[in-house]
Protein backbone atom coordinates (compact mmCIF):
# COMPACT_ATOMS: atom_id res chain seq x y z
CA MET A 1 23.57 39.79 62.59
CA MET A 2 25.96 37.94 64.67
CA THR A 3 28.67 35.67 63.17
CA ARG A 4 30.46 32.81 64.17
CA GLN A 5 33.65 30.52 63.14
CA ILE A 6 33.02 27.29 63.01
CA THR A 7 34.88 24.05 62.15
CA VAL A 8 33.76 20.52 61.60
CA SER A 9 35.33 17.53 60.71
CA TYR A 10 34.07 15.44 57.55
CA ASN A 11 36.37 12.43 56.45
CA ASP A 12 39.28 13.31 58.15
CA GLN A 13 39.40 16.55 56.82
CA HIS A 14 38.90 19.74 58.64
CA TYR A 15 36.60 22.78 57.02
CA MET A 16 35.83 26.33 58.26
CA TYR A 17 32.40 27.97 57.87
CA ASP A 18 30.85 31.70 58.73
CA VAL A 19 27.62 30.76 60.03
CA ALA A 20 25.61 34.24 60.72
CA PHE A 21 21.93 33.91 61.97
CA GLU A 22 19.06 36.34 61.38
CA ARG A 23 16.28 35.89 63.52
CA GLN A 24 12.83 36.39 61.53
CA ASP A 25 8.98 35.82 63.30
CA ASN A 26 8.91 32.00 63.14
CA ALA A 27 12.72 31.04 62.90
CA THR A 28 15.74 31.53 62.87
CA VAL A 29 17.94 31.49 59.67
CA TYR A 30 21.51 30.19 59.66
CA HIS A 31 23.52 31.62 56.65
CA ILE A 32 26.51 29.73 56.07
CA LYS A 33 29.38 30.63 53.89
CA PRO A 34 32.73 28.44 53.46
CA HIS A 35 35.93 29.88 54.41
CA LYS A 36 37.84 31.74 51.66
CA LYS A 37 40.61 28.58 51.38
CA SER A 38 38.18 25.75 51.80
CA ALA A 39 38.64 23.26 49.13
CA VAL A 40 35.59 21.19 49.49
CA ALA A 41 32.33 21.62 47.21
CA PHE A 42 30.04 23.80 48.59
CA PRO A 43 27.91 26.44 47.36
CA GLU A 44 29.27 30.05 48.49
CA HIS A 45 25.82 31.20 50.25
CA PHE A 46 24.05 28.44 52.07
CA ASP A 47 20.82 28.76 54.22
CA ILE A 48 19.49 26.29 57.21
CA VAL A 49 15.76 27.39 58.38
CA LYS A 50 14.85 26.15 61.91
CA ALA A 51 11.22 26.92 62.50
CA ASP A 52 10.56 27.25 66.05
CA ASP A 53 7.98 25.10 65.86
CA SER A 54 10.18 22.11 63.91
CA GLU A 55 12.83 19.98 65.73
CA GLN A 56 14.15 19.59 62.36
CA PRO A 57 15.89 22.45 59.85
CA GLN A 58 15.61 22.76 56.51
CA TYR A 59 17.76 23.10 53.51
CA ASP A 60 17.97 23.00 49.81
CA VAL A 61 20.17 19.98 48.89
CA ARG A 62 19.59 20.67 45.10
CA GLY A 63 22.36 21.46 43.54
CA LEU A 64 24.87 19.76 46.13
CA ASN A 65 26.79 16.35 45.32
CA GLU A 66 26.42 13.26 48.09
CA GLU A 67 29.76 14.86 49.90
CA GLY A 68 28.02 18.53 50.14
CA LYS A 69 24.65 16.94 51.53
CA GLN A 70 26.48 14.71 54.20
CA ILE A 71 28.62 18.11 55.26
CA ALA A 72 25.41 20.34 55.55
CA ASP A 73 24.22 17.23 58.13
CA VAL A 74 27.41 17.93 60.17
CA LEU A 75 27.14 21.87 59.51
CA TRP A 76 23.59 21.03 61.10
CA GLN A 77 24.61 19.12 64.13
CA GLN A 78 27.15 22.00 65.13
CA ILE A 79 24.94 24.74 64.98
CA SER A 80 22.08 22.47 66.68
CA LEU A 81 24.70 22.78 69.80
CA PHE A 82 25.41 26.54 70.09
CA PRO A 83 24.25 28.50 72.95
CA PRO A 84 20.99 30.33 72.93
CA GLN A 85 22.65 33.58 71.95
CA PHE A 86 23.30 32.22 68.73
CA LYS A 87 20.05 30.46 68.23
CA GLY A 88 18.20 33.92 68.42
CA GLY A 89 17.56 33.84 71.77
CA LYS A 90 15.68 30.46 71.62
CA ALA A 91 16.74 27.58 73.52
């Protein structure tokens, strides 16, 4: 599993996350974990699933407050810009 550290901006704050990706048969799963020193209210483990046949990702927003939902959207926007090697080889 390859891991990449990313920084996202939300409400004039910068947050760091570790993003590991796992290639499955028909999808790529991005396992997101906030940096140890992150003060944002975000789950310790959060997955975004991008099916090969879908343009939009899937993730469970239950348990996220409004700020967490918006951060999840910002995380996906950043992940969607990754080069192919961070998308499980899918362009």
